[in-house]
Amino acid sequence: IGVFILKDYRYYAFCSSEMTVRQTYVKVYSSLGGIFMRIAWIGAGKMTESFLKGFEGEKNIIHYVSSRRQESLDKLREQFHFIPQVDNVSCVQKADIIVLAVKPQQLHDLCLEIKDAIPKDAFVISIAVGISVHLLESWLGLDLKIIRMMPTTAVSIKKGSIAMCCNHKIKTQDLQKIYSVFESVAMLKPLLE
């Protein structure tokens, strides 16, 4: 690792590995009293792009992104800073928040693929249209914190709105964490499913 630079309250390290940069960044930022959230985005489509744009400049979030299509990752990398992941399992393993941003017809197979790799305290958020919290629980298990979000693309300009439904594992302090992350890009509205 080379020299540290303070830029916009972020510490950067010049080194050969993005993983080393991330680990160093988390260690330094945490030692300064910062609270870090690691968000894993599975799927590199329009909604992921909108959220990444809205979260630009946030100092306390590290983004991981995985996609079936390398060209989708490459396109996003031209515009945004995130750590690309080679597969979905590695993307979710150390995440605090996992956002399932894939088409509804792909969601079942994705859930089966990642369910054993999801950290027990992580939030799993689905933005797939028409997939209920109950169905997600049947695919992922009843022990996970599951949220169904219905966001608008205006999150890209920090003026979005997000309707959300939560499962029984989400408590008041969990909602506070979710609000602390997403209220910078949208107004959140909890709903019953």
C-alpha atoms as a PDB file:
ATOM      1  CA  ILE A   1       0.000   0.000   0.000  1.00  0.00           C
ATOM      2  CA  GLY A   2       1.284   3.422  -0.917  1.00  0.00           C
ATOM      3  CA  VAL A   3       0.204   6.898   0.137  1.00  0.00           C
ATOM      4  CA  PHE A   4      -3.072   7.898   1.786  1.00  0.00           C
ATOM      5  CA  ILE A   5      -4.940  10.915   0.462  1.00  0.00           C
ATOM      6  CA  LEU A   6      -7.812  12.670   2.197  1.00  0.00           C
ATOM      7  CA  LYS A   7     -10.377  13.718  -0.407  1.00  0.00           C
ATOM      8  CA  ASP A   8     -13.957  14.609   0.438  1.00  0.00           C
ATOM      9  CA  TYR A   9     -13.436  12.950   3.844  1.00  0.00           C
ATOM     10  CA  ARG A  10     -12.474   9.687   2.166  1.00  0.00           C
ATOM     11  CA  TYR A  11      -9.174   7.960   2.557  1.00  0.00           C
ATOM     12  CA  TYR A  12      -7.812   6.338  -0.563  1.00  0.00           C
ATOM     13  CA  ALA A  13      -4.797   4.103  -0.878  1.00  0.00           C
ATOM     14  CA  PHE A  14      -2.788   3.570  -4.016  1.00  0.00           C
ATOM     15  CA  CYS A  15      -2.259  -0.135  -4.408  1.00  0.00           C
ATOM     16  CA  SER A  16      -2.717  -2.899  -6.920  1.00  0.00           C
ATOM     17  CA  SER A  17      -5.838  -4.512  -5.493  1.00  0.00           C
ATOM     18  CA  GLU A  18      -9.325  -3.013  -5.182  1.00  0.00           C
ATOM     19  CA  MET A  19     -10.017  -5.400  -2.309  1.00  0.00           C
ATOM     20  CA  THR A  20      -7.022  -3.972  -0.419  1.00  0.00           C
ATOM     21  CA  VAL A  21      -8.325  -0.446  -1.052  1.00  0.00           C
ATOM     22  CA  ARG A  22     -11.718  -1.429   0.337  1.00  0.00           C
ATOM     23  CA  GLN A  23     -10.263  -3.118   3.405  1.00  0.00           C
ATOM     24  CA  THR A  24      -7.968  -0.176   4.101  1.00  0.00           C
ATOM     25  CA  TYR A  25     -10.780   2.310   3.559  1.00  0.00           C
ATOM     26  CA  VAL A  26     -13.092   0.485   5.954  1.00  0.00           C
ATOM     27  CA  LYS A  27     -10.373   0.175   8.588  1.00  0.00           C
ATOM     28  CA  VAL A  28      -9.348   3.842   8.424  1.00  0.00           C
ATOM     29  CA  TYR A  29     -12.898   5.192   8.215  1.00  0.00           C
ATOM     30  CA  SER A  30     -14.085   2.970  11.061  1.00  0.00           C
ATOM     31  CA  SER A  31     -11.160   4.079  13.226  1.00  0.00           C
ATOM     32  CA  LEU A  32     -12.326   7.671  12.677  1.00  0.00           C
ATOM     33  CA  GLY A  33     -15.719   6.758  14.154  1.00  0.00           C
ATOM     34  CA  GLY A  34     -17.553   6.240  10.868  1.00  0.00           C
ATOM     35  CA  ILE A  35     -20.318   3.705  10.430  1.00  0.00           C
ATOM     36  CA  PHE A  36     -20.009   1.715   7.248  1.00  0.00           C
ATOM     37  CA  MET A  37     -22.654   0.004   5.174  1.00  0.00           C
ATOM     38  CA  ARG A  38     -21.714  -2.467   2.490  1.00  0.00           C
ATOM     39  CA  ILE A  39     -24.387  -2.780  -0.182  1.00  0.00           C
ATOM     40  CA  ALA A  40     -24.349  -5.699  -2.621  1.00  0.00           C
ATOM     41  CA  TRP A  41     -26.251  -5.069  -5.857  1.00  0.00           C
ATOM     42  CA  ILE A  42     -27.133  -8.163  -7.834  1.00  0.00           C
ATOM     43  CA  GLY A  43     -28.023  -7.010 -11.296  1.00  0.00           C
ATOM     44  CA  ALA A  44     -26.553  -4.064 -13.179  1.00  0.00           C
ATOM     45  CA  GLY A  45     -29.667  -2.648 -14.835  1.00  0.00           C
ATOM     46  CA  LYS A  46     -31.429   0.718 -14.750  1.00  0.00           C
ATOM     47  CA  MET A  47     -32.480   0.630 -11.090  1.00  0.00           C
ATOM     48  CA  THR A  48     -28.984  -0.256  -9.891  1.00  0.00           C
ATOM     49  CA  GLU A  49     -27.642   2.546 -12.072  1.00  0.00           C
ATOM     50  CA  SER A  50     -30.211   4.979 -10.630  1.00  0.00           C
ATOM     51  CA  PHE A  51     -29.308   4.079  -7.048  1.00  0.00           C
ATOM     52  CA  LEU A  52     -25.555   4.282  -7.691  1.00  0.00           C
ATOM     53  CA  LYS A  53     -26.021   7.740  -9.177  1.00  0.00           C
ATOM     54  CA  GLY A  54     -28.139   8.827  -6.207  1.00  0.00           C
ATOM     55  CA  PHE A  55     -25.592   7.478  -3.722  1.00  0.00           C
ATOM     56  CA  GLU A  56     -22.651   9.262  -5.382  1.00  0.00           C
ATOM     57  CA  GLY A  57     -20.766  11.237  -2.774  1.00  0.00           C
ATOM     58  CA  GLU A  58     -22.014   9.183   0.187  1.00  0.00           C
ATOM     59  CA  LYS A  59     -18.969   8.658   2.370  1.00  0.00           C
ATOM     60  CA  ASN A  60     -20.134   5.690   4.396  1.00  0.00           C
ATOM     61  CA  ILE A  61     -21.245   3.220   1.715  1.00  0.00           C
ATOM     62  CA  ILE A  62     -19.207   0.708  -0.254  1.00  0.00           C
ATOM     63  CA  HIS A  63     -20.976  -0.839  -3.225  1.00  0.00           C
ATOM     64  CA  TYR A  64     -20.388  -4.304  -4.667  1.00  0.00           C
ATOM     65  CA  VAL A  65     -22.064  -5.182  -7.965  1.00  0.00           C
ATOM     66  CA  SER A  66     -22.452  -8.499  -9.753  1.00  0.00           C
ATOM     67  CA  SER A  67     -24.149  -9.156 -13.066  1.00  0.00           C
ATOM     68  CA  ARG A  68     -24.615 -12.019 -15.505  1.00  0.00           C
ATOM     69  CA  ARG A  69     -23.353  -9.735 -18.258  1.00  0.00           C
ATOM     70  CA  GLN A  70     -19.811  -8.368 -18.096  1.00  0.00           C
ATOM     71  CA  GLU A  71     -20.687  -5.576 -20.519  1.00  0.00           C
ATOM     72  CA  SER A  72     -23.290  -4.279 -18.035  1.00  0.00           C
ATOM     73  CA  LEU A  73     -20.648  -4.103 -15.308  1.00  0.00           C
ATOM     74  CA  ASP A  74     -18.202  -2.423 -17.673  1.00  0.00           C
ATOM     75  CA  LYS A  75     -20.789   0.211 -18.611  1.00  0.00           C
ATOM     76  CA  LEU A  76     -21.484   1.005 -14.950  1.00  0.00           C
ATOM     77  CA  ARG A  77     -17.751   1.129 -14.154  1.00  0.00           C
ATOM     78  CA  GLU A  78     -17.349   3.947 -16.675  1.00  0.00           C
ATOM     79  CA  GLN A  79     -19.664   6.100 -14.537  1.00  0.00           C
ATOM     80  CA  PHE A  80     -19.525   4.925 -10.925  1.00  0.00           C
ATOM     81  CA  HIS A  81     -17.147   3.650  -8.267  1.00  0.00           C
ATOM     82  CA  PHE A  82     -17.925   0.176  -6.981  1.00  0.00           C
ATOM     83  CA  ILE A  83     -16.226  -3.155  -6.495  1.00  0.00           C
ATOM     84  CA  PRO A  84     -17.244  -5.591  -9.243  1.00  0.00           C
ATOM     85  CA  GLN A  85     -17.792  -9.177  -8.163  1.00  0.00           C
ATOM     86  CA  VAL A  86     -17.207 -12.258 -10.265  1.00  0.00           C
ATOM     87  CA  ASP A  87     -20.292 -14.058  -9.004  1.00  0.00           C
ATOM     88  CA  ASN A  88     -23.420 -13.505  -6.924  1.00  0.00           C
ATOM     89  CA  VAL A  89     -22.262 -15.578  -3.944  1.00  0.00           C
ATOM     90  CA  SER A  90     -19.065 -13.575  -3.458  1.00  0.00           C
ATOM     91  CA  CYS A  91     -21.093 -10.378  -3.877  1.00  0.00           C
ATOM     92  CA  VAL A  92     -23.376 -11.086  -0.902  1.00  0.00           C
ATOM     93  CA  GLN A  93     -20.998 -12.757   1.555  1.00  0.00           C
ATOM     94  CA  LYS A  94     -19.863  -9.639   3.442  1.00  0.00           C
ATOM     95  CA  ALA A  95     -22.780  -7.336   2.678  1.00  0.00           C
ATOM     96  CA  ASP A  96     -24.897  -5.526   5.235  1.00  0.00           C
ATOM     97  CA  ILE A  97     -27.603  -4.878   2.641  1.00  0.00           C
ATOM     98  CA  ILE A  98     -28.260  -7.101  -0.373  1.00  0.00           C
ATOM     99  CA  VAL A  99     -30.365  -5.625  -3.159  1.00  0.00           C
ATOM    100  CA  LEU A 100     -31.850  -8.128  -5.584  1.00  0.00           C
ATOM    101  CA  ALA A 101     -32.192  -6.019  -8.726  1.00  0.00           C
ATOM    102  CA  VAL A 102     -33.003  -8.669 -11.295  1.00  0.00           C
ATOM    103  CA  LYS A 103     -36.025  -9.501 -13.400  1.00  0.00           C
ATOM    104  CA  PRO A 104     -38.828 -11.318 -11.547  1.00  0.00           C
ATOM    105  CA  GLN A 105     -38.394 -14.477 -13.647  1.00  0.00           C
ATOM    106  CA  GLN A 106     -34.723 -14.691 -12.555  1.00  0.00           C
ATOM    107  CA  LEU A 107     -35.354 -14.162  -8.846  1.00  0.00           C
ATOM    108  CA  HIS A 108     -36.223 -17.712  -7.778  1.00  0.00           C
ATOM    109  CA  ASP A 109     -32.999 -19.216  -9.155  1.00  0.00           C
ATOM    110  CA  LEU A 110     -30.982 -16.314  -7.742  1.00  0.00           C
ATOM    111  CA  CYS A 111     -32.435 -16.822  -4.253  1.00  0.00           C
ATOM    112  CA  LEU A 112     -31.575 -20.518  -4.327  1.00  0.00           C
ATOM    113  CA  GLU A 113     -28.043 -19.658  -5.469  1.00  0.00           C
ATOM    114  CA  ILE A 114     -27.251 -17.125  -2.721  1.00  0.00           C
ATOM    115  CA  LYS A 115     -29.361 -18.137   0.279  1.00  0.00           C
ATOM    116  CA  ASP A 116     -26.607 -20.075   2.064  1.00  0.00           C
ATOM    117  CA  ALA A 117     -24.098 -17.231   1.583  1.00  0.00           C
ATOM    118  CA  ILE A 118     -26.242 -14.439   3.055  1.00  0.00           C
ATOM    119  CA  PRO A 119     -24.906 -13.165   6.402  1.00  0.00           C
ATOM    120  CA  LYS A 120     -27.461 -13.736   9.173  1.00  0.00           C
ATOM    121  CA  ASP A 121     -27.787 -10.031  10.074  1.00  0.00           C
ATOM    122  CA  ALA A 122     -27.945  -8.751   6.505  1.00  0.00           C
ATOM    123  CA  PHE A 123     -31.015  -7.100   5.027  1.00  0.00           C
ATOM    124  CA  VAL A 124     -32.273  -8.668   1.806  1.00  0.00           C
ATOM    125  CA  ILE A 125     -34.117  -6.165  -0.362  1.00  0.00           C
ATOM    126  CA  SER A 126     -35.945  -7.152  -3.509  1.00  0.00           C
ATOM    127  CA  ILE A 127     -36.935  -4.550  -6.076  1.00  0.00           C
ATOM    128  CA  ALA A 128     -38.395  -7.140  -8.457  1.00  0.00           C
ATOM    129  CA  VAL A 129     -41.938  -6.296  -9.527  1.00  0.00           C
ATOM    130  CA  GLY A 130     -44.735  -8.572  -8.330  1.00  0.00           C
ATOM    131  CA  ILE A 131     -42.711 -10.792  -5.957  1.00  0.00           C
ATOM    132  CA  SER A 132     -44.218 -10.745  -2.475  1.00  0.00           C
ATOM    133  CA  VAL A 133     -42.363 -10.860   0.831  1.00  0.00           C
ATOM    134  CA  HIS A 134     -44.081 -14.190   1.549  1.00  0.00           C
ATOM    135  CA  LEU A 135     -42.736 -15.685  -1.688  1.00  0.00           C
ATOM    136  CA  LEU A 136     -39.239 -14.368  -0.933  1.00  0.00           C
ATOM    137  CA  GLU A 137     -39.410 -16.005   2.509  1.00  0.00           C
ATOM    138  CA  SER A 138     -40.370 -19.310   0.915  1.00  0.00           C
ATOM    139  CA  TRP A 139     -37.281 -19.106  -1.315  1.00  0.00           C
ATOM    140  CA  LEU A 140     -34.779 -17.687   1.202  1.00  0.00           C
ATOM    141  CA  GLY A 141     -36.081 -18.938   4.553  1.00  0.00           C
ATOM    142  CA  LEU A 142     -37.949 -17.336   7.439  1.00  0.00           C
ATOM    143  CA  ASP A 143     -34.876 -16.305   9.439  1.00  0.00           C
ATOM    144  CA  LEU A 144     -33.721 -13.456   7.189  1.00  0.00           C
ATOM    145  CA  LYS A 145     -34.617  -9.770   7.320  1.00  0.00           C
ATOM    146  CA  ILE A 146     -36.500  -9.318   4.058  1.00  0.00           C
ATOM    147  CA  ILE A 147     -37.812  -6.106   2.547  1.00  0.00           C
ATOM    148  CA  ARG A 148     -39.668  -5.605  -0.678  1.00  0.00           C
ATOM    149  CA  MET A 149     -39.045  -2.144  -2.145  1.00  0.00           C
ATOM    150  CA  MET A 150     -40.824  -0.435  -4.994  1.00  0.00           C
ATOM    151  CA  PRO A 151     -38.561   2.521  -5.901  1.00  0.00           C
ATOM    152  CA  THR A 152     -38.816   5.180  -8.588  1.00  0.00           C
ATOM    153  CA  THR A 153     -35.874   6.034 -10.847  1.00  0.00           C
ATOM    154  CA  ALA A 154     -35.882   9.552  -9.361  1.00  0.00           C
ATOM    155  CA  VAL A 155     -33.569   8.112  -6.686  1.00  0.00           C
ATOM    156  CA  SER A 156     -30.850   9.049  -9.193  1.00  0.00           C
ATOM    157  CA  ILE A 157     -31.458  12.738  -8.409  1.00  0.00           C
ATOM    158  CA  LYS A 158     -32.165  12.160  -4.696  1.00  0.00           C
ATOM    159  CA  LYS A 159     -35.881  12.846  -5.154  1.00  0.00           C
ATOM    160  CA  GLY A 160     -37.224   9.322  -5.365  1.00  0.00           C
ATOM    161  CA  SER A 161     -39.956   7.637  -3.453  1.00  0.00           C
ATOM    162  CA  ILE A 162     -39.840   4.086  -2.187  1.00  0.00           C
ATOM    163  CA  ALA A 163     -42.804   2.061  -0.989  1.00  0.00           C
ATOM    164  CA  MET A 164     -41.666  -0.846   1.149  1.00  0.00           C
ATOM    165  CA  CYS A 165     -43.068  -3.940   2.820  1.00  0.00           C
ATOM    166  CA  CYS A 166     -41.140  -5.809   5.512  1.00  0.00           C
ATOM    167  CA  ASN A 167     -41.287  -9.281   6.947  1.00  0.00           C
ATOM    168  CA  HIS A 168     -41.703 -10.124  10.645  1.00  0.00           C
ATOM    169  CA  LYS A 169     -37.921 -10.074  11.277  1.00  0.00           C
ATOM    170  CA  ILE A 170     -37.672  -6.310  10.690  1.00  0.00           C
ATOM    171  CA  LYS A 171     -37.795  -4.423  13.982  1.00  0.00           C
ATOM    172  CA  THR A 172     -37.871  -0.670  14.710  1.00  0.00           C
ATOM    173  CA  GLN A 173     -34.070  -0.400  14.964  1.00  0.00           C
ATOM    174  CA  ASP A 174     -33.782  -2.233  11.630  1.00  0.00           C
ATOM    175  CA  LEU A 175     -36.097   0.277   9.986  1.00  0.00           C
ATOM    176  CA  GLN A 176     -33.957   3.086  11.390  1.00  0.00           C
ATOM    177  CA  LYS A 177     -30.883   1.583   9.693  1.00  0.00           C
ATOM    178  CA  ILE A 178     -32.696   1.251   6.374  1.00  0.00           C
ATOM    179  CA  TYR A 179     -33.977   4.824   6.637  1.00  0.00           C
ATOM    180  CA  SER A 180     -30.480   6.102   7.463  1.00  0.00           C
ATOM    181  CA  VAL A 181     -29.182   4.634   4.208  1.00  0.00           C
ATOM    182  CA  PHE A 182     -32.030   5.183   1.751  1.00  0.00           C
ATOM    183  CA  GLU A 183     -33.560   8.470   2.926  1.00  0.00           C
ATOM    184  CA  SER A 184     -30.686  10.332   1.269  1.00  0.00           C
ATOM    185  CA  VAL A 185     -32.096   9.349  -2.140  1.00  0.00           C
ATOM    186  CA  ALA A 186     -35.818   8.905  -1.522  1.00  0.00           C
ATOM    187  CA  MET A 187     -38.795   9.392   0.711  1.00  0.00           C
ATOM    188  CA  LEU A 188     -39.661   5.989   2.201  1.00  0.00           C
ATOM    189  CA  LYS A 189     -43.207   4.833   2.849  1.00  0.00           C
ATOM    190  CA  PRO A 190     -43.783   1.565   4.755  1.00  0.00           C
ATOM    191  CA  LEU A 191     -46.862  -0.360   3.621  1.00  0.00           C
ATOM    192  CA  LEU A 192     -48.624  -3.563   4.517  1.00  0.00           C
ATOM    193  CA  GLU A 193     -48.528  -6.099   1.707  1.00  0.00           C
END
